[in-house]
mmCIF file of all heavy atoms, coordinates in Angstrom:
data_MODEL
# 
_entry.id   MODEL 
# 
loop_
_atom_site.group_PDB 
_atom_site.id 
_atom_site.type_symbol 
_atom_site.label_atom_id 
_atom_site.label_alt_id 
_atom_site.label_comp_id 
_atom_site.label_asym_id 
_atom_site.label_entity_id 
_atom_site.label_seq_id 
_atom_site.pdbx_PDB_ins_code 
_atom_site.Cartn_x 
_atom_site.Cartn_y 
_atom_site.Cartn_z 
_atom_site.occupancy 
_atom_site.B_iso_or_equiv 
_atom_site.pdbx_formal_charge 
_atom_site.auth_seq_id 
_atom_site.auth_comp_id 
_atom_site.auth_asym_id 
_atom_site.auth_atom_id 
_atom_site.pdbx_PDB_model_num 
ATOM 1   N N   . GLY A 1 1  ? -4.872  25.954 24.475 1.00 0.00 ? 1  GLY A N   1 
ATOM 2   C CA  . GLY A 1 1  ? -5.748  24.860 24.875 1.00 0.00 ? 1  GLY A CA  1 
ATOM 3   C C   . GLY A 1 1  ? -7.114  25.075 24.269 1.00 0.00 ? 1  GLY A C   1 
ATOM 4   O O   . GLY A 1 1  ? -7.820  26.027 24.620 1.00 0.00 ? 1  GLY A O   1 
ATOM 5   N N   . ALA A 1 2  ? -7.485  24.237 23.324 1.00 0.00 ? 2  ALA A N   1 
ATOM 6   C CA  . ALA A 1 2  ? -8.728  24.441 22.589 1.00 0.00 ? 2  ALA A CA  1 
ATOM 7   C C   . ALA A 1 2  ? -9.943  24.222 23.485 1.00 0.00 ? 2  ALA A C   1 
ATOM 8   O O   . ALA A 1 2  ? -9.908  23.413 24.415 1.00 0.00 ? 2  ALA A O   1 
ATOM 9   C CB  . ALA A 1 2  ? -8.787  23.490 21.398 1.00 0.00 ? 2  ALA A CB  1 
ATOM 10  N N   . PRO A 1 3  ? -11.040 24.937 23.217 1.00 0.00 ? 3  PRO A N   1 
ATOM 11  C CA  . PRO A 1 3  ? -12.297 24.619 23.895 1.00 0.00 ? 3  PRO A CA  1 
ATOM 12  C C   . PRO A 1 3  ? -12.730 23.193 23.573 1.00 0.00 ? 3  PRO A C   1 
ATOM 13  O O   . PRO A 1 3  ? -12.189 22.546 22.665 1.00 0.00 ? 3  PRO A O   1 
ATOM 14  C CB  . PRO A 1 3  ? -13.280 25.638 23.300 1.00 0.00 ? 3  PRO A CB  1 
ATOM 15  C CG  . PRO A 1 3  ? -12.433 26.724 22.739 1.00 0.00 ? 3  PRO A CG  1 
ATOM 16  C CD  . PRO A 1 3  ? -11.167 26.065 22.291 1.00 0.00 ? 3  PRO A CD  1 
ATOM 17  N N   . GLU A 1 4  ? -13.722 22.718 24.287 1.00 0.00 ? 4  GLU A N   1 
ATOM 18  C CA  . GLU A 1 4  ? -14.192 21.348 24.074 1.00 0.00 ? 4  GLU A CA  1 
ATOM 19  C C   . GLU A 1 4  ? -14.641 21.126 22.633 1.00 0.00 ? 4  GLU A C   1 
ATOM 20  O O   . GLU A 1 4  ? -14.423 20.047 22.067 1.00 0.00 ? 4  GLU A O   1 
ATOM 21  C CB  . GLU A 1 4  ? -15.348 21.043 25.034 1.00 0.00 ? 4  GLU A CB  1 
ATOM 22  C CG  . GLU A 1 4  ? -15.893 19.629 24.900 1.00 0.00 ? 4  GLU A CG  1 
ATOM 23  C CD  . GLU A 1 4  ? -16.981 19.334 25.900 1.00 0.00 ? 4  GLU A CD  1 
ATOM 24  O OE1 . GLU A 1 4  ? -17.200 20.162 26.813 1.00 0.00 ? 4  GLU A OE1 1 
ATOM 25  O OE2 . GLU A 1 4  ? -17.621 18.276 25.779 1.00 0.00 ? 4  GLU A OE2 1 
ATOM 26  N N   . THR A 1 5  ? -15.262 22.135 22.035 1.00 0.00 ? 5  THR A N   1 
ATOM 27  C CA  . THR A 1 5  ? -15.745 22.013 20.658 1.00 0.00 ? 5  THR A CA  1 
ATOM 28  C C   . THR A 1 5  ? -15.177 23.146 19.818 1.00 0.00 ? 5  THR A C   1 
ATOM 29  O O   . THR A 1 5  ? -15.321 24.323 20.162 1.00 0.00 ? 5  THR A O   1 
ATOM 30  C CB  . THR A 1 5  ? -17.280 22.053 20.594 1.00 0.00 ? 5  THR A CB  1 
ATOM 31  O OG1 . THR A 1 5  ? -17.813 21.019 21.431 1.00 0.00 ? 5  THR A OG1 1 
ATOM 32  C CG2 . THR A 1 5  ? -17.776 21.847 19.173 1.00 0.00 ? 5  THR A CG2 1 
ATOM 33  N N   . VAL A 1 6  ? -14.533 22.781 18.712 1.00 0.00 ? 6  VAL A N   1 
ATOM 34  C CA  . VAL A 1 6  ? -13.958 23.731 17.768 1.00 0.00 ? 6  VAL A CA  1 
ATOM 35  C C   . VAL A 1 6  ? -14.523 23.430 16.389 1.00 0.00 ? 6  VAL A C   1 
ATOM 36  O O   . VAL A 1 6  ? -14.520 22.280 15.934 1.00 0.00 ? 6  VAL A O   1 
ATOM 37  C CB  . VAL A 1 6  ? -12.419 23.627 17.733 1.00 0.00 ? 6  VAL A CB  1 
ATOM 38  C CG1 . VAL A 1 6  ? -11.835 24.488 16.609 1.00 0.00 ? 6  VAL A CG1 1 
ATOM 39  C CG2 . VAL A 1 6  ? -11.824 24.037 19.076 1.00 0.00 ? 6  VAL A CG2 1 
ATOM 40  N N   . VAL A 1 7  ? -15.027 24.463 15.713 1.00 0.00 ? 7  VAL A N   1 
ATOM 41  C CA  . VAL A 1 7  ? -15.567 24.330 14.365 1.00 0.00 ? 7  VAL A CA  1 
ATOM 42  C C   . VAL A 1 7  ? -14.738 25.188 13.413 1.00 0.00 ? 7  VAL A C   1 
ATOM 43  O O   . VAL A 1 7  ? -14.626 26.402 13.619 1.00 0.00 ? 7  VAL A O   1 
ATOM 44  C CB  . VAL A 1 7  ? -17.041 24.772 14.299 1.00 0.00 ? 7  VAL A CB  1 
ATOM 45  C CG1 . VAL A 1 7  ? -17.567 24.672 12.862 1.00 0.00 ? 7  VAL A CG1 1 
ATOM 46  C CG2 . VAL A 1 7  ? -17.900 23.956 15.250 1.00 0.00 ? 7  VAL A CG2 1 
ATOM 47  N N   . PHE A 1 8  ? -14.161 24.566 12.404 1.00 0.00 ? 8  PHE A N   1 
ATOM 48  C CA  . PHE A 1 8  ? -13.487 25.315 11.353 1.00 0.00 ? 8  PHE A CA  1 
ATOM 49  C C   . PHE A 1 8  ? -14.525 25.657 10.290 1.00 0.00 ? 8  PHE A C   1 
ATOM 50  O O   . PHE A 1 8  ? -14.886 24.824 9.464  1.00 0.00 ? 8  PHE A O   1 
ATOM 51  C CB  . PHE A 1 8  ? -12.337 24.501 10.744 1.00 0.00 ? 8  PHE A CB  1 
ATOM 52  C CG  . PHE A 1 8  ? -11.042 24.649 11.482 1.00 0.00 ? 8  PHE A CG  1 
ATOM 53  C CD1 . PHE A 1 8  ? -10.833 23.967 12.668 1.00 0.00 ? 8  PHE A CD1 1 
ATOM 54  C CD2 . PHE A 1 8  ? -10.028 25.482 11.005 1.00 0.00 ? 8  PHE A CD2 1 
ATOM 55  C CE1 . PHE A 1 8  ? -9.650  24.094 13.372 1.00 0.00 ? 8  PHE A CE1 1 
ATOM 56  C CE2 . PHE A 1 8  ? -8.839  25.623 11.708 1.00 0.00 ? 8  PHE A CE2 1 
ATOM 57  C CZ  . PHE A 1 8  ? -8.641  24.932 12.887 1.00 0.00 ? 8  PHE A CZ  1 
ATOM 58  N N   . HIS A 1 9  ? -15.014 26.905 10.354 1.00 0.00 ? 9  HIS A N   1 
ATOM 59  C CA  . HIS A 1 9  ? -15.993 27.384 9.378  1.00 0.00 ? 9  HIS A CA  1 
ATOM 60  C C   . HIS A 1 9  ? -15.339 27.482 8.003  1.00 0.00 ? 9  HIS A C   1 
ATOM 61  O O   . HIS A 1 9  ? -14.181 27.881 7.870  1.00 0.00 ? 9  HIS A O   1 
ATOM 62  C CB  . HIS A 1 9  ? -16.530 28.739 9.859  1.00 0.00 ? 9  HIS A CB  1 
ATOM 63  C CG  . HIS A 1 9  ? -16.553 29.833 8.859  1.00 0.00 ? 9  HIS A CG  1 
ATOM 64  N ND1 . HIS A 1 9  ? -17.390 29.834 7.765  1.00 0.00 ? 9  HIS A ND1 1 
ATOM 65  C CD2 . HIS A 1 9  ? -15.836 30.990 8.784  1.00 0.00 ? 9  HIS A CD2 1 
ATOM 66  C CE1 . HIS A 1 9  ? -17.190 30.941 7.071  1.00 0.00 ? 9  HIS A CE1 1 
ATOM 67  N NE2 . HIS A 1 9  ? -16.259 31.651 7.667  1.00 0.00 ? 9  HIS A NE2 1 
ATOM 68  N N   . CYS A 1 10 ? -16.078 27.091 6.978  1.00 0.00 ? 10 CYS A N   1 
ATOM 69  C CA  . CYS A 1 10 ? -15.597 27.129 5.588  1.00 0.00 ? 10 CYS A CA  1 
ATOM 70  C C   . CYS A 1 10 ? -14.172 26.570 5.514  1.00 0.00 ? 10 CYS A C   1 
ATOM 71  O O   . CYS A 1 10 ? -13.248 27.261 5.081  1.00 0.00 ? 10 CYS A O   1 
ATOM 72  C CB  . CYS A 1 10 ? -15.665 28.540 5.029  1.00 0.00 ? 10 CYS A CB  1 
ATOM 73  S SG  . CYS A 1 10 ? -15.398 28.634 3.249  1.00 0.00 ? 10 CYS A SG  1 
ATOM 74  N N   . PHE A 1 11 ? -14.015 25.343 5.949  1.00 0.00 ? 11 PHE A N   1 
ATOM 75  C CA  . PHE A 1 11 ? -12.688 24.741 5.989  1.00 0.00 ? 11 PHE A CA  1 
ATOM 76  C C   . PHE A 1 11 ? -11.999 24.911 4.643  1.00 0.00 ? 11 PHE A C   1 
ATOM 77  O O   . PHE A 1 11 ? -12.584 24.660 3.592  1.00 0.00 ? 11 PHE A O   1 
ATOM 78  C CB  . PHE A 1 11 ? -12.797 23.255 6.346  1.00 0.00 ? 11 PHE A CB  1 
ATOM 79  C CG  . PHE A 1 11 ? -11.452 22.589 6.454  1.00 0.00 ? 11 PHE A CG  1 
ATOM 80  C CD1 . PHE A 1 11 ? -10.677 22.770 7.591  1.00 0.00 ? 11 PHE A CD1 1 
ATOM 81  C CD2 . PHE A 1 11 ? -10.959 21.807 5.419  1.00 0.00 ? 11 PHE A CD2 1 
ATOM 82  C CE1 . PHE A 1 11 ? -9.431  22.175 7.692  1.00 0.00 ? 11 PHE A CE1 1 
ATOM 83  C CE2 . PHE A 1 11 ? -9.721  21.199 5.511  1.00 0.00 ? 11 PHE A CE2 1 
ATOM 84  C CZ  . PHE A 1 11 ? -8.947  21.383 6.652  1.00 0.00 ? 11 PHE A CZ  1 
ATOM 85  N N   . SER A 1 12 ? -10.715 25.339 4.693  1.00 0.00 ? 12 SER A N   1 
ATOM 86  C CA  . SER A 1 12 ? -9.994  25.654 3.461  1.00 0.00 ? 12 SER A CA  1 
ATOM 87  C C   . SER A 1 12 ? -8.626  24.987 3.389  1.00 0.00 ? 12 SER A C   1 
ATOM 88  O O   . SER A 1 12 ? -7.827  25.312 2.507  1.00 0.00 ? 12 SER A O   1 
ATOM 89  C CB  . SER A 1 12 ? -9.817  27.178 3.328  1.00 0.00 ? 12 SER A CB  1 
ATOM 90  O OG  . SER A 1 12 ? -9.110  27.703 4.449  1.00 0.00 ? 12 SER A OG  1 
ATOM 91  N N   . GLY A 1 13 ? -8.346  24.068 4.314  1.00 0.00 ? 13 GLY A N   1 
ATOM 92  C CA  . GLY A 1 13 ? -7.056  23.410 4.320  1.00 0.00 ? 13 GLY A CA  1 
ATOM 93  C C   . GLY A 1 13 ? -6.986  22.231 3.366  1.00 0.00 ? 13 GLY A C   1 
ATOM 94  O O   . GLY A 1 13 ? -7.947  21.903 2.667  1.00 0.00 ? 13 GLY A O   1 
ATOM 95  N N   . ASP A 1 14 ? -5.832  21.579 3.350  1.00 0.00 ? 14 ASP A N   1 
ATOM 96  C CA  . ASP A 1 14 ? -5.647  20.407 2.511  1.00 0.00 ? 14 ASP A CA  1 
ATOM 97  C C   . ASP A 1 14 ? -5.896  19.133 3.323  1.00 0.00 ? 14 ASP A C   1 
ATOM 98  O O   . ASP A 1 14 ? -6.312  19.190 4.490  1.00 0.00 ? 14 ASP A O   1 
ATOM 99  C CB  . ASP A 1 14 ? -4.246  20.401 1.883  1.00 0.00 ? 14 ASP A CB  1 
ATOM 100 C CG  . ASP A 1 14 ? -3.121  20.395 2.915  1.00 0.00 ? 14 ASP A CG  1 
ATOM 101 O OD1 . ASP A 1 14 ? -3.393  20.181 4.124  1.00 0.00 ? 14 ASP A OD1 1 
ATOM 102 O OD2 . ASP A 1 14 ? -1.961  20.608 2.515  1.00 0.00 ? 14 ASP A OD2 1 
ATOM 103 N N   . ALA A 1 15 ? -5.632  17.971 2.706  1.00 0.00 ? 15 ALA A N   1 
ATOM 104 C CA  . ALA A 1 15 ? -5.909  16.705 3.369  1.00 0.00 ? 15 ALA A CA  1 
ATOM 105 C C   . ALA A 1 15 ? -5.074  16.528 4.633  1.00 0.00 ? 15 ALA A C   1 
ATOM 106 O O   . ALA A 1 15 ? -5.558  15.999 5.636  1.00 0.00 ? 15 ALA A O   1 
ATOM 107 C CB  . ALA A 1 15 ? -5.677  15.544 2.404  1.00 0.00 ? 15 ALA A CB  1 
ATOM 108 N N   . ALA A 1 16 ? -3.818  16.979 4.601  1.00 0.00 ? 16 ALA A N   1 
ATOM 109 C CA  . ALA A 1 16 ? -2.967  16.838 5.784  1.00 0.00 ? 16 ALA A CA  1 
ATOM 110 C C   . ALA A 1 16 ? -3.515  17.647 6.950  1.00 0.00 ? 16 ALA A C   1 
ATOM 111 O O   . ALA A 1 16 ? -3.540  17.170 8.094  1.00 0.00 ? 16 ALA A O   1 
ATOM 112 C CB  . ALA A 1 16 ? -1.540  17.270 5.451  1.00 0.00 ? 16 ALA A CB  1 
ATOM 113 N N   . MET A 1 17 ? -3.971  18.869 6.676  1.00 0.00 ? 17 MET A N   1 
ATOM 114 C CA  . MET A 1 17 ? -4.550  19.673 7.748  1.00 0.00 ? 17 MET A CA  1 
ATOM 115 C C   . MET A 1 17 ? -5.861  19.057 8.239  1.00 0.00 ? 17 MET A C   1 
ATOM 116 O O   . MET A 1 17 ? -6.140  19.051 9.449  1.00 0.00 ? 17 MET A O   1 
ATOM 117 C CB  . MET A 1 17 ? -4.791  21.102 7.278  1.00 0.00 ? 17 MET A CB  1 
ATOM 118 C CG  . MET A 1 17 ? -5.362  21.993 8.376  1.00 0.00 ? 17 MET A CG  1 
ATOM 119 S SD  . MET A 1 17 ? -5.638  23.679 7.833  1.00 0.00 ? 17 MET A SD  1 
ATOM 120 C CE  . MET A 1 17 ? -6.382  24.368 9.321  1.00 0.00 ? 17 MET A CE  1 
ATOM 121 N N   . ALA A 1 18 ? -6.649  18.519 7.314  1.00 0.00 ? 18 ALA A N   1 
ATOM 122 C CA  . ALA A 1 18 ? -7.900  17.879 7.717  1.00 0.00 ? 18 ALA A CA  1 
ATOM 123 C C   . ALA A 1 18 ? -7.638  16.709 8.656  1.00 0.00 ? 18 ALA A C   1 
ATOM 124 O O   . ALA A 1 18 ? -8.367  16.508 9.632  1.00 0.00 ? 18 ALA A O   1 
ATOM 125 C CB  . ALA A 1 18 ? -8.676  17.419 6.489  1.00 0.00 ? 18 ALA A CB  1 
ATOM 126 N N   . ARG A 1 19 ? -6.573  15.951 8.388  1.00 0.00 ? 19 ARG A N   1 
ATOM 127 C CA  . ARG A 1 19 ? -6.233  14.836 9.282  1.00 0.00 ? 19 ARG A CA  1 
ATOM 128 C C   . ARG A 1 19 ? -5.826  15.346 10.653 1.00 0.00 ? 19 ARG A C   1 
ATOM 129 O O   . ARG A 1 19 ? -6.202  14.773 11.682 1.00 0.00 ? 19 ARG A O   1 
ATOM 130 C CB  . ARG A 1 19 ? -5.100  14.006 8.668  1.00 0.00 ? 19 ARG A CB  1 
ATOM 131 C CG  . ARG A 1 19 ? -5.515  13.185 7.471  1.00 0.00 ? 19 ARG A CG  1 
ATOM 132 C CD  . ARG A 1 19 ? -4.436  12.223 7.019  1.00 0.00 ? 19 ARG A CD  1 
ATOM 133 N NE  . ARG A 1 19 ? -4.714  11.738 5.680  1.00 0.00 ? 19 ARG A NE  1 
ATOM 134 C CZ  . ARG A 1 19 ? -4.226  12.250 4.563  1.00 0.00 ? 19 ARG A CZ  1 
ATOM 135 N NH1 . ARG A 1 19 ? -3.380  13.266 4.627  1.00 0.00 ? 19 ARG A NH1 1 
ATOM 136 N NH2 . ARG A 1 19 ? -4.547  11.761 3.390  1.00 0.00 ? 19 ARG A NH2 1 
ATOM 137 N N   . GLU A 1 20 ? -5.008  16.416 10.684 1.00 0.00 ? 20 GLU A N   1 
ATOM 138 C CA  . GLU A 1 20 ? -4.589  16.970 11.970 1.00 0.00 ? 20 GLU A CA  1 
ATOM 139 C C   . GLU A 1 20 ? -5.795  17.467 12.763 1.00 0.00 ? 20 GLU A C   1 
ATOM 140 O O   . GLU A 1 20 ? -5.889  17.239 13.981 1.00 0.00 ? 20 GLU A O   1 
ATOM 141 C CB  . GLU A 1 20 ? -3.590  18.101 11.747 1.00 0.00 ? 20 GLU A CB  1 
ATOM 142 C CG  . GLU A 1 20 ? -3.048  18.687 13.035 1.00 0.00 ? 20 GLU A CG  1 
ATOM 143 C CD  . GLU A 1 20 ? -1.905  19.677 12.839 1.00 0.00 ? 20 GLU A CD  1 
ATOM 144 O OE1 . GLU A 1 20 ? -1.415  19.802 11.698 1.00 0.00 ? 20 GLU A OE1 1 
ATOM 145 O OE2 . GLU A 1 20 ? -1.514  20.328 13.837 1.00 0.00 ? 20 GLU A OE2 1 
ATOM 146 N N   . CYS A 1 21 ? -6.713  18.133 12.082 1.00 0.00 ? 21 CYS A N   1 
ATOM 147 C CA  . CYS A 1 21 ? -7.913  18.626 12.759 1.00 0.00 ? 21 CYS A CA  1 
ATOM 148 C C   . CYS A 1 21 ? -8.780  17.469 13.251 1.00 0.00 ? 21 CYS A C   1 
ATOM 149 O O   . CYS A 1 21 ? -9.279  17.484 14.389 1.00 0.00 ? 21 CYS A O   1 
ATOM 150 C CB  . CYS A 1 21 ? -8.709  19.520 11.823 1.00 0.00 ? 21 CYS A CB  1 
ATOM 151 S SG  . CYS A 1 21 ? -7.946  21.124 11.483 1.00 0.00 ? 21 CYS A SG  1 
ATOM 152 N N   . ALA A 1 22 ? -8.975  16.467 12.407 1.00 0.00 ? 22 ALA A N   1 
ATOM 153 C CA  . ALA A 1 22 ? -9.799  15.325 12.806 1.00 0.00 ? 22 ALA A CA  1 
ATOM 154 C C   . ALA A 1 22 ? -9.183  14.595 13.989 1.00 0.00 ? 22 ALA A C   1 
ATOM 155 O O   . ALA A 1 22 ? -9.898  14.179 14.912 1.00 0.00 ? 22 ALA A O   1 
ATOM 156 C CB  . ALA A 1 22 ? -9.988  14.383 11.621 1.00 0.00 ? 22 ALA A CB  1 
ATOM 157 N N   . ASP A 1 23 ? -7.861  14.456 13.986 1.00 0.00 ? 23 ASP A N   1 
ATOM 158 C CA  . ASP A 1 23 ? -7.185  13.791 15.105 1.00 0.00 ? 23 ASP A CA  1 
ATOM 159 C C   . ASP A 1 23 ? -7.398  14.557 16.406 1.00 0.00 ? 23 ASP A C   1 
ATOM 160 O O   . ASP A 1 23 ? -7.438  13.958 17.491 1.00 0.00 ? 23 ASP A O   1 
ATOM 161 C CB  . ASP A 1 23 ? -5.692  13.653 14.818 1.00 0.00 ? 23 ASP A CB  1 
ATOM 162 C CG  . ASP A 1 23 ? -5.384  12.605 13.757 1.00 0.00 ? 23 ASP A CG  1 
ATOM 163 O OD1 . ASP A 1 23 ? -6.278  11.794 13.442 1.00 0.00 ? 23 ASP A OD1 1 
ATOM 164 O OD2 . ASP A 1 23 ? -4.255  12.605 13.235 1.00 0.00 ? 23 ASP A OD2 1 
ATOM 165 N N   . ALA A 1 24 ? -7.526  15.893 16.299 1.00 0.00 ? 24 ALA A N   1 
ATOM 166 C CA  . ALA A 1 24 ? -7.764  16.722 17.482 1.00 0.00 ? 24 ALA A CA  1 
ATOM 167 C C   . ALA A 1 24 ? -9.236  16.782 17.870 1.00 0.00 ? 24 ALA A C   1 
ATOM 168 O O   . ALA A 1 24 ? -9.585  17.376 18.899 1.00 0.00 ? 24 ALA A O   1 
ATOM 169 C CB  . ALA A 1 24 ? -7.237  18.137 17.234 1.00 0.00 ? 24 ALA A CB  1 
ATOM 170 N N   . GLY A 1 25 ? -10.108 16.203 17.040 1.00 0.00 ? 25 GLY A N   1 
ATOM 171 C CA  . GLY A 1 25 ? -11.538 16.230 17.321 1.00 0.00 ? 25 GLY A CA  1 
ATOM 172 C C   . GLY A 1 25 ? -12.231 17.494 16.862 1.00 0.00 ? 25 GLY A C   1 
ATOM 173 O O   . GLY A 1 25 ? -13.379 17.752 17.256 1.00 0.00 ? 25 GLY A O   1 
ATOM 174 N N   . TYR A 1 26 ? -11.562 18.303 16.011 1.00 0.00 ? 26 TYR A N   1 
ATOM 175 C CA  . TYR A 1 26 ? -12.182 19.527 15.515 1.00 0.00 ? 26 TYR A CA  1 
ATOM 176 C C   . TYR A 1 26 ? -13.207 19.187 14.441 1.00 0.00 ? 26 TYR A C   1 
ATOM 177 O O   . TYR A 1 26 ? -13.033 18.256 13.648 1.00 0.00 ? 26 TYR A O   1 
ATOM 178 C CB  . TYR A 1 26 ? -11.134 20.469 14.937 1.00 0.00 ? 26 TYR A CB  1 
ATOM 179 C CG  . TYR A 1 26 ? -10.042 20.884 15.894 1.00 0.00 ? 26 TYR A CG  1 
ATOM 180 C CD1 . TYR A 1 26 ? -8.803  21.319 15.419 1.00 0.00 ? 26 TYR A CD1 1 
ATOM 181 C CD2 . TYR A 1 26 ? -10.228 20.861 17.278 1.00 0.00 ? 26 TYR A CD2 1 
ATOM 182 C CE1 . TYR A 1 26 ? -7.787  21.703 16.281 1.00 0.00 ? 26 TYR A CE1 1 
ATOM 183 C CE2 . TYR A 1 26 ? -9.230  21.241 18.146 1.00 0.00 ? 26 TYR A CE2 1 
ATOM 184 C CZ  . TYR A 1 26 ? -8.003  21.667 17.645 1.00 0.00 ? 26 TYR A CZ  1 
ATOM 185 O OH  . TYR A 1 26 ? -6.995  22.038 18.510 1.00 0.00 ? 26 TYR A OH  1 
ATOM 186 N N   . VAL A 1 27 ? -14.276 19.972 14.397 1.00 0.00 ? 27 VAL A N   1 
ATOM 187 C CA  . VAL A 1 27 ? -15.345 19.794 13.423 1.00 0.00 ? 27 VAL A CA  1 
ATOM 188 C C   . VAL A 1 27 ? -15.028 20.647 12.190 1.00 0.00 ? 27 VAL A C   1 
ATOM 189 O O   . VAL A 1 27 ? -14.660 21.832 12.310 1.00 0.00 ? 27 VAL A O   1 
ATOM 190 C CB  . VAL A 1 27 ? -16.696 20.203 14.024 1.00 0.00 ? 27 VAL A CB  1 
ATOM 191 C CG1 . VAL A 1 27 ? -17.819 20.065 13.004 1.00 0.00 ? 27 VAL A CG1 1 
ATOM 192 C CG2 . VAL A 1 27 ? -16.987 19.381 15.279 1.00 0.00 ? 27 VAL A CG2 1 
ATOM 193 N N   . LEU A 1 28 ? -15.190 20.066 11.007 1.00 0.00 ? 28 LEU A N   1 
ATOM 194 C CA  . LEU A 1 28 ? -14.904 20.769 9.760  1.00 0.00 ? 28 LEU A CA  1 
ATOM 195 C C   . LEU A 1 28 ? -16.214 21.057 9.037  1.00 0.00 ? 28 LEU A C   1 
ATOM 196 O O   . LEU A 1 28 ? -16.988 20.141 8.749  1.00 0.00 ? 28 LEU A O   1 
ATOM 197 C CB  . LEU A 1 28 ? -13.976 19.937 8.872  1.00 0.00 ? 28 LEU A CB  1 
ATOM 198 C CG  . LEU A 1 28 ? -12.675 19.452 9.518  1.00 0.00 ? 28 LEU A CG  1 
ATOM 199 C CD1 . LEU A 1 28 ? -11.780 18.777 8.492  1.00 0.00 ? 28 LEU A CD1 1 
ATOM 200 C CD2 . LEU A 1 28 ? -11.943 20.607 10.195 1.00 0.00 ? 28 LEU A CD2 1 
ATOM 201 N N   . SER A 1 29 ? -16.447 22.325 8.756  1.00 0.00 ? 29 SER A N   1 
ATOM 202 C CA  . SER A 1 29 ? -17.664 22.753 8.078  1.00 0.00 ? 29 SER A CA  1 
ATOM 203 C C   . SER A 1 29 ? -17.320 23.131 6.645  1.00 0.00 ? 29 SER A C   1 
ATOM 204 O O   . SER A 1 29 ? -16.439 23.964 6.412  1.00 0.00 ? 29 SER A O   1 
ATOM 205 C CB  . SER A 1 29 ? -18.288 23.935 8.813  1.00 0.00 ? 29 SER A CB  1 
ATOM 206 O OG  . SER A 1 29 ? -19.526 24.294 8.244  1.00 0.00 ? 29 SER A OG  1 
# 
């Protein structure tokens, strides 16, 4: 169960992972 705010530091995933993270409300740095 993720905390209210999650930041992926130095995001290194692809577009599919970025969509999954964005859908979950994670912040991409």
